[in-house]
PDB file of N, CA and C in Angstrom:
ATOM      1  N   MET A   1      13.268  20.480 -13.218  1.00  0.00           N
ATOM      2  CA  MET A   1      12.430  19.834 -12.221  1.00  0.00           C
ATOM      3  C   MET A   1      12.508  20.655 -10.938  1.00  0.00           C
ATOM      4  N   ASN A   2      11.363  21.088 -10.455  1.00  0.00           N
ATOM      5  CA  ASN A   2      11.288  21.838  -9.205  1.00  0.00           C
ATOM      6  C   ASN A   2      11.138  20.847  -8.055  1.00  0.00           C
ATOM      7  N   PHE A   3      12.199  20.641  -7.287  1.00  0.00           N
ATOM      8  CA  PHE A   3      12.204  19.619  -6.247  1.00  0.00           C
ATOM      9  C   PHE A   3      11.297  19.964  -5.071  1.00  0.00           C
ATOM     10  N   ALA A   4      10.847  21.219  -4.951  1.00  0.00           N
ATOM     11  CA  ALA A   4       9.925  21.578  -3.882  1.00  0.00           C
ATOM     12  C   ALA A   4       8.548  20.944  -4.102  1.00  0.00           C
ATOM     13  N   LEU A   5       8.229  20.604  -5.335  1.00  0.00           N
ATOM     14  CA  LEU A   5       6.935  20.002  -5.659  1.00  0.00           C
ATOM     15  C   LEU A   5       6.941  18.484  -5.488  1.00  0.00           C
ATOM     16  N   TYR A   6       8.108  17.890  -5.247  1.00  0.00           N
ATOM     17  CA  TYR A   6       8.248  16.444  -5.179  1.00  0.00           C
ATOM     18  C   TYR A   6       8.628  15.980  -3.777  1.00  0.00           C
ATOM     19  N   CYS A   7       8.343  14.706  -3.500  1.00  0.00           N
ATOM     20  CA  CYS A   7       8.781  14.080  -2.250  1.00  0.00           C
ATOM     21  C   CYS A   7       9.217  12.656  -2.581  1.00  0.00           C
ATOM     22  N   ASP A   8       9.895  12.019  -1.646  1.00  0.00           N
ATOM     23  CA  ASP A   8      10.342  10.646  -1.902  1.00  0.00           C
ATOM     24  C   ASP A   8       9.191   9.666  -1.664  1.00  0.00           C
ATOM     25  N   VAL A   9       9.423   8.402  -1.953  1.00  0.00           N
ATOM     26  CA  VAL A   9       8.382   7.387  -1.883  1.00  0.00           C
ATOM     27  C   VAL A   9       7.868   7.207  -0.456  1.00  0.00           C
ATOM     28  N   ALA A  10       8.754   7.249   0.523  1.00  0.00           N
ATOM     29  CA  ALA A  10       8.339   7.068   1.914  1.00  0.00           C
ATOM     30  C   ALA A  10       7.393   8.184   2.353  1.00  0.00           C
ATOM     31  N   GLU A  11       7.712   9.408   1.996  1.00  0.00           N
ATOM     32  CA  GLU A  11       6.855  10.542   2.339  1.00  0.00           C
ATOM     33  C   GLU A  11       5.520  10.446   1.598  1.00  0.00           C
ATOM     34  N   ALA A  12       5.548  10.048   0.331  1.00  0.00           N
ATOM     35  CA  ALA A  12       4.321   9.894  -0.456  1.00  0.00           C
ATOM     36  C   ALA A  12       3.433   8.808   0.143  1.00  0.00           C
ATOM     37  N   ALA A  13       4.049   7.723   0.609  1.00  0.00           N
ATOM     38  CA  ALA A  13       3.285   6.638   1.231  1.00  0.00           C
ATOM     39  C   ALA A  13       2.616   7.116   2.509  1.00  0.00           C
ATOM     40  N   ARG A  14       3.329   7.911   3.282  1.00  0.00           N
ATOM     41  CA  ARG A  14       2.756   8.451   4.512  1.00  0.00           C
ATOM     42  C   ARG A  14       1.586   9.384   4.190  1.00  0.00           C
ATOM     43  N   LEU A  15       1.736  10.224   3.152  1.00  0.00           N
ATOM     44  CA  LEU A  15       0.662  11.143   2.767  1.00  0.00           C
ATOM     45  C   LEU A  15      -0.570  10.399   2.253  1.00  0.00           C
ATOM     46  N   ALA A  16      -0.351   9.316   1.504  1.00  0.00           N
ATOM     47  CA  ALA A  16      -1.455   8.567   0.903  1.00  0.00           C
ATOM     48  C   ALA A  16      -2.029   7.505   1.833  1.00  0.00           C
ATOM     49  N   GLY A  17      -1.286   7.119   2.869  1.00  0.00           N
ATOM     50  CA  GLY A  17      -1.768   6.109   3.806  1.00  0.00           C
ATOM     51  C   GLY A  17      -1.641   4.690   3.284  1.00  0.00           C
ATOM     52  N   VAL A  18      -0.632   4.457   2.434  1.00  0.00           N
ATOM     53  CA  VAL A  18      -0.384   3.121   1.892  1.00  0.00           C
ATOM     54  C   VAL A  18       1.092   2.787   2.071  1.00  0.00           C
ATOM     55  N   SER A  19       1.509   1.608   1.618  1.00  0.00           N
ATOM     56  CA  SER A  19       2.904   1.191   1.771  1.00  0.00           C
ATOM     57  C   SER A  19       3.783   1.773   0.658  1.00  0.00           C
ATOM     58  N   ASP A  20       5.089   1.736   0.882  1.00  0.00           N
ATOM     59  CA  ASP A  20       6.061   2.198  -0.119  1.00  0.00           C
ATOM     60  C   ASP A  20       5.916   1.401  -1.406  1.00  0.00           C
ATOM     61  N   ARG A  21       5.770   0.093  -1.284  1.00  0.00           N
ATOM     62  CA  ARG A  21       5.645  -0.788  -2.443  1.00  0.00           C
ATOM     63  C   ARG A  21       4.420  -0.414  -3.276  1.00  0.00           C
ATOM     64  N   HIS A  22       3.335  -0.077  -2.592  1.00  0.00           N
ATOM     65  CA  HIS A  22       2.111   0.297  -3.308  1.00  0.00           C
ATOM     66  C   HIS A  22       2.317   1.594  -4.098  1.00  0.00           C
ATOM     67  N   ILE A  23       3.053   2.524  -3.539  1.00  0.00           N
ATOM     68  CA  ILE A  23       3.344   3.783  -4.243  1.00  0.00           C
ATOM     69  C   ILE A  23       4.185   3.497  -5.482  1.00  0.00           C
ATOM     70  N   ARG A  24       5.209   2.656  -5.358  1.00  0.00           N
ATOM     71  CA  ARG A  24       6.042   2.327  -6.522  1.00  0.00           C
ATOM     72  C   ARG A  24       5.218   1.644  -7.617  1.00  0.00           C
ATOM     73  N   ASN A  25       4.328   0.744  -7.216  1.00  0.00           N
ATOM     74  CA  ASN A  25       3.462   0.081  -8.192  1.00  0.00           C
ATOM     75  C   ASN A  25       2.507   1.070  -8.853  1.00  0.00           C
ATOM     76  N   ALA A  26       2.004   2.022  -8.098  1.00  0.00           N
ATOM     77  CA  ALA A  26       1.097   3.030  -8.652  1.00  0.00           C
ATOM     78  C   ALA A  26       1.832   3.937  -9.637  1.00  0.00           C
ATOM     79  N   ILE A  27       3.094   4.230  -9.371  1.00  0.00           N
ATOM     80  CA  ILE A  27       3.892   5.041 -10.304  1.00  0.00           C
ATOM     81  C   ILE A  27       4.064   4.282 -11.612  1.00  0.00           C
ATOM     82  N   LYS A  28       4.447   3.009 -11.501  1.00  0.00           N
ATOM     83  CA  LYS A  28       4.661   2.200 -12.700  1.00  0.00           C
ATOM     84  C   LYS A  28       3.378   2.006 -13.493  1.00  0.00           C
ATOM     85  N   ALA A  29       2.217   1.959 -12.812  1.00  0.00           N
ATOM     86  CA  ALA A  29       0.923   1.797 -13.479  1.00  0.00           C
ATOM     87  C   ALA A  29       0.405   3.119 -14.038  1.00  0.00           C
ATOM     88  N   GLY A  30       1.040   4.240 -13.658  1.00  0.00           N
ATOM     89  CA  GLY A  30       0.617   5.541 -14.151  1.00  0.00           C
ATOM     90  C   GLY A  30      -0.489   6.190 -13.335  1.00  0.00           C
ATOM     91  N   LYS A  31      -0.786   5.660 -12.153  1.00  0.00           N
ATOM     92  CA  LYS A  31      -1.825   6.225 -11.298  1.00  0.00           C
ATOM     93  C   LYS A  31      -1.322   7.437 -10.526  1.00  0.00           C
ATOM     94  N   ILE A  32      -0.018   7.483 -10.297  1.00  0.00           N
ATOM     95  CA  ILE A  32       0.618   8.600  -9.585  1.00  0.00           C
ATOM     96  C   ILE A  32       1.748   9.109 -10.458  1.00  0.00           C
ATOM     97  N   GLU A  33       1.901  10.429 -10.495  1.00  0.00           N
ATOM     98  CA  GLU A  33       2.992  11.008 -11.279  1.00  0.00           C
ATOM     99  C   GLU A  33       4.288  10.968 -10.474  1.00  0.00           C
ATOM    100  N   GLY A  34       5.319  10.417 -11.077  1.00  0.00           N
ATOM    101  CA  GLY A  34       6.605  10.334 -10.414  1.00  0.00           C
ATOM    102  C   GLY A  34       7.709  10.111 -11.427  1.00  0.00           C
ATOM    103  N   ALA A  35       8.938  10.297 -10.959  1.00  0.00           N
ATOM    104  CA  ALA A  35      10.091  10.108 -11.834  1.00  0.00           C
ATOM    105  C   ALA A  35      11.235   9.546 -11.008  1.00  0.00           C
ATOM    106  N   LYS A  36      12.100   8.803 -11.656  1.00  0.00           N
ATOM    107  CA  LYS A  36      13.262   8.255 -10.973  1.00  0.00           C
ATOM    108  C   LYS A  36      14.426   9.210 -11.191  1.00  0.00           C
ATOM    109  N   VAL A  37      14.951   9.720 -10.091  1.00  0.00           N
ATOM    110  CA  VAL A  37      16.090  10.634 -10.129  1.00  0.00           C
ATOM    111  C   VAL A  37      17.261   9.894  -9.510  1.00  0.00           C
ATOM    112  N   GLY A  38      18.200   9.484 -10.347  1.00  0.00           N
ATOM    113  CA  GLY A  38      19.302   8.662  -9.861  1.00  0.00           C
ATOM    114  C   GLY A  38      18.766   7.298  -9.485  1.00  0.00           C
ATOM    115  N   HIS A  39      18.847   6.957  -8.202  1.00  0.00           N
ATOM    116  CA  HIS A  39      18.315   5.676  -7.736  1.00  0.00           C
ATOM    117  C   HIS A  39      17.103   5.861  -6.826  1.00  0.00           C
ATOM    118  N   VAL A  40      16.560   7.092  -6.772  1.00  0.00           N
ATOM    119  CA  VAL A  40      15.443   7.404  -5.880  1.00  0.00           C
ATOM    120  C   VAL A  40      14.210   7.786  -6.694  1.00  0.00           C
ATOM    121  N   TRP A  41      13.050   7.210  -6.335  1.00  0.00           N
ATOM    122  CA  TRP A  41      11.805   7.617  -6.964  1.00  0.00           C
ATOM    123  C   TRP A  41      11.315   8.891  -6.293  1.00  0.00           C
ATOM    124  N   MET A  42      10.974   9.898  -7.098  1.00  0.00           N
ATOM    125  CA  MET A  42      10.409  11.147  -6.599  1.00  0.00           C
ATOM    126  C   MET A  42       8.968  11.219  -7.084  1.00  0.00           C
ATOM    127  N   VAL A  43       8.061  11.547  -6.184  1.00  0.00           N
ATOM    128  CA  VAL A  43       6.633  11.551  -6.472  1.00  0.00           C
ATOM    129  C   VAL A  43       6.120  12.983  -6.377  1.00  0.00           C
ATOM    130  N   LEU A  44       5.267  13.357  -7.307  1.00  0.00           N
ATOM    131  CA  LEU A  44       4.645  14.668  -7.265  1.00  0.00           C
ATOM    132  C   LEU A  44       3.777  14.739  -6.015  1.00  0.00           C
ATOM    133  N   ARG A  45       4.064  15.689  -5.144  1.00  0.00           N
ATOM    134  CA  ARG A  45       3.412  15.781  -3.838  1.00  0.00           C
ATOM    135  C   ARG A  45       1.882  15.879  -3.969  1.00  0.00           C
ATOM    136  N   SER A  46       1.395  16.685  -4.894  1.00  0.00           N
ATOM    137  CA  SER A  46      -0.054  16.836  -5.068  1.00  0.00           C
ATOM    138  C   SER A  46      -0.690  15.536  -5.552  1.00  0.00           C
ATOM    139  N   SER A  47       0.024  14.768  -6.349  1.00  0.00           N
ATOM    140  CA  SER A  47      -0.474  13.492  -6.838  1.00  0.00           C
ATOM    141  C   SER A  47      -0.579  12.483  -5.689  1.00  0.00           C
ATOM    142  N   ALA A  48       0.393  12.500  -4.794  1.00  0.00           N
ATOM    143  CA  ALA A  48       0.376  11.584  -3.645  1.00  0.00           C
ATOM    144  C   ALA A  48      -0.752  11.942  -2.683  1.00  0.00           C
ATOM    145  N   MET A  49      -1.003  13.227  -2.474  1.00  0.00           N
ATOM    146  CA  MET A  49      -2.063  13.648  -1.549  1.00  0.00           C
ATOM    147  C   MET A  49      -3.450  13.347  -2.112  1.00  0.00           C
ATOM    148  N   SER A  50      -3.590  13.370  -3.442  1.00  0.00           N
ATOM    149  CA  SER A  50      -4.899  13.110  -4.035  1.00  0.00           C
ATOM    150  C   SER A  50      -5.164  11.617  -4.233  1.00  0.00           C
ATOM    151  N   PHE A  51      -4.130  10.773  -4.062  1.00  0.00           N
ATOM    152  CA  PHE A  51      -4.289   9.329  -4.216  1.00  0.00           C
ATOM    153  C   PHE A  51      -5.101   8.802  -3.050  1.00  0.00           C
ATOM    154  N   GLU A  52      -6.160   8.041  -3.365  1.00  0.00           N
ATOM    155  CA  GLU A  52      -7.008   7.488  -2.311  1.00  0.00           C
ATOM    156  C   GLU A  52      -6.965   5.975  -2.349  1.00  0.00           C
ATOM    157  N   ARG A  53      -6.904   5.391  -1.188  1.00  0.00           N
ATOM    158  CA  ARG A  53      -6.910   3.937  -1.074  1.00  0.00           C
ATOM    159  C   ARG A  53      -8.289   3.427  -1.455  1.00  0.00           C
ATOM    160  N   GLN A  54      -8.321   2.443  -2.324  1.00  0.00           N
ATOM    161  CA  GLN A  54      -9.579   1.842  -2.773  1.00  0.00           C
ATOM    162  C   GLN A  54      -9.992   0.763  -1.779  1.00  0.00           C
ATOM    163  N   PRO A  55     -11.290   0.584  -1.544  1.00  0.00           N
ATOM    164  CA  PRO A  55     -11.727  -0.412  -0.564  1.00  0.00           C
ATOM    165  C   PRO A  55     -11.309  -1.839  -0.902  1.00  0.00           C
ATOM    166  N   GLY A  56     -11.171  -2.175  -2.172  1.00  0.00           N
ATOM    167  CA  GLY A  56     -10.835  -3.544  -2.544  1.00  0.00           C
ATOM    168  C   GLY A  56      -9.352  -3.798  -2.663  1.00  0.00           C
ATOM    169  N   MET A  57      -8.515  -2.844  -2.261  1.00  0.00           N
ATOM    170  CA  MET A  57      -7.079  -3.004  -2.417  1.00  0.00           C
ATOM    171  C   MET A  57      -6.525  -3.967  -1.374  1.00  0.00           C
ATOM    172  N   GLY A  58      -5.537  -4.700  -1.768  1.00  0.00           N
ATOM    173  CA  GLY A  58      -4.831  -5.560  -0.827  1.00  0.00           C
ATOM    174  C   GLY A  58      -5.334  -6.986  -0.834  1.00  0.00           C
ATOM    175  N   ARG A  59      -4.742  -7.764   0.008  1.00  0.00           N
ATOM    176  CA  ARG A  59      -5.075  -9.178   0.117  1.00  0.00           C
ATOM    177  C   ARG A  59      -6.403  -9.334   0.846  1.00  0.00           C
ATOM    178  N   PRO A  60      -7.269 -10.242   0.382  1.00  0.00           N
ATOM    179  CA  PRO A  60      -8.532 -10.449   1.085  1.00  0.00           C
ATOM    180  C   PRO A  60      -8.309 -11.064   2.464  1.00  0.00           C
ATOM    181  N   ALA A  61      -9.216 -10.778   3.366  1.00  0.00           N
ATOM    182  CA  ALA A  61      -9.097 -11.291   4.727  1.00  0.00           C
ATOM    183  C   ALA A  61      -9.339 -12.795   4.730  1.00  0.00           C
ATOM    184  N   LYS A  62      -8.670 -13.479   5.652  1.00  0.00           N
ATOM    185  CA  LYS A  62      -8.857 -14.926   5.779  1.00  0.00           C
ATOM    186  C   LYS A  62     -10.252 -15.211   6.317  1.00  0.00           C
ATOM    187  N   ALA A  63     -10.829 -16.306   5.852  1.00  0.00           N
ATOM    188  CA  ALA A  63     -12.125 -16.734   6.354  1.00  0.00           C
ATOM    189  C   ALA A  63     -11.934 -17.281   7.766  1.00  0.00           C
ATOM    190  N   LYS A  64     -12.856 -16.928   8.633  1.00  0.00           N
ATOM    191  CA  LYS A  64     -12.755 -17.397  10.013  1.00  0.00           C
ATOM    192  C   LYS A  64     -13.255 -18.828  10.088  1.00  0.00           C
ATOM    193  N   LYS A  65     -12.527 -19.648  10.844  1.00  0.00           N
ATOM    194  CA  LYS A  65     -12.924 -21.038  11.028  1.00  0.00           C
ATOM    195  C   LYS A  65     -14.026 -21.115  12.082  1.00  0.00           C
ATOM    196  N   LYS A  66     -14.960 -22.032  11.855  1.00  0.00           N
ATOM    197  CA  LYS A  66     -16.017 -22.239  12.830  1.00  0.00           C
ATOM    198  C   LYS A  66     -15.446 -23.017  14.007  1.00  0.00           C
ATOM    199  N   ALA A  67     -15.884 -22.669  15.182  1.00  0.00           N
ATOM    200  CA  ALA A  67     -15.428 -23.373  16.373  1.00  0.00           C
ATOM    201  C   ALA A  67     -16.088 -24.744  16.425  1.00  0.00           C
ATOM    202  N   THR A  68     -15.290 -25.759  16.553  1.00  0.00           N
ATOM    203  CA  THR A  68     -15.826 -27.123  16.668  1.00  0.00           C
ATOM    204  C   THR A  68     -15.687 -27.567  18.110  1.00  0.00           C
ATOM    205  N   PRO A  69     -16.684 -28.272  18.609  1.00  0.00           N
ATOM    206  CA  PRO A  69     -16.584 -28.729  20.003  1.00  0.00           C
ATOM    207  C   PRO A  69     -15.476 -29.759  20.154  1.00  0.00           C
ATOM    208  N   ARG A  70     -14.754 -29.678  21.239  1.00  0.00           N
ATOM    209  CA  ARG A  70     -13.683 -30.627  21.488  1.00  0.00           C
ATOM    210  C   ARG A  70     -14.268 -31.940  21.974  1.00  0.00           C
ATOM    211  N   ARG A  71     -13.690 -33.022  21.506  1.00  0.00           N
ATOM    212  CA  ARG A  71     -14.128 -34.337  21.932  1.00  0.00           C
ATOM    213  C   ARG A  71     -13.280 -34.787  23.110  1.00  0.00           C
ATOM    214  N   ARG A  72     -13.950 -35.434  24.002  1.00  0.00           N
ATOM    215  CA  ARG A  72     -13.205 -35.988  25.126  1.00  0.00           C
ATOM    216  C   ARG A  72     -12.612 -37.313  24.691  1.00  0.00           C
ATOM    217  N   PRO A  73     -11.429 -37.629  25.151  1.00  0.00           N
ATOM    218  CA  PRO A  73     -10.836 -38.917  24.774  1.00  0.00           C
ATOM    219  C   PRO A  73     -11.687 -40.068  25.352  1.00  0.00           C
ATOM    220  N   ALA A  74     -11.772 -41.121  24.594  1.00  0.00           N
ATOM    221  CA  ALA A  74     -12.564 -42.292  25.023  1.00  0.00           C
ATOM    222  C   ALA A  74     -11.904 -42.948  26.228  1.00  0.00           C
ATOM    223  N   LYS A  75     -12.730 -43.352  27.186  1.00  0.00           N
ATOM    224  CA  LYS A  75     -12.199 -44.040  28.363  1.00  0.00           C
ATOM    225  C   LYS A  75     -11.940 -45.481  28.005  1.00  0.00           C
ATOM    226  N   ARG A  76     -10.851 -46.003  28.479  1.00  0.00           N
ATOM    227  CA  ARG A  76     -10.494 -47.396  28.170  1.00  0.00           C
ATOM    228  C   ARG A  76     -10.695 -48.276  29.351  1.00  0.00           C
TER     229      ARG A  76
END
């Protein structure tokens, strides 16, 4: 294994513009080439640079609530 061609998960995440967790999930899914060396995941640098964030990735945005007019308390 030529370690000059590999980087750790944090560096791969920075190169790809995603989170560390997303890189680990992509490795396990086979979208990015990587290997576990000891207790550290090593990612092929070229694979991390070519990984592109998909527009539909991540949690959907919350729906915005409509503004409702405030009611004044009833006079007694």
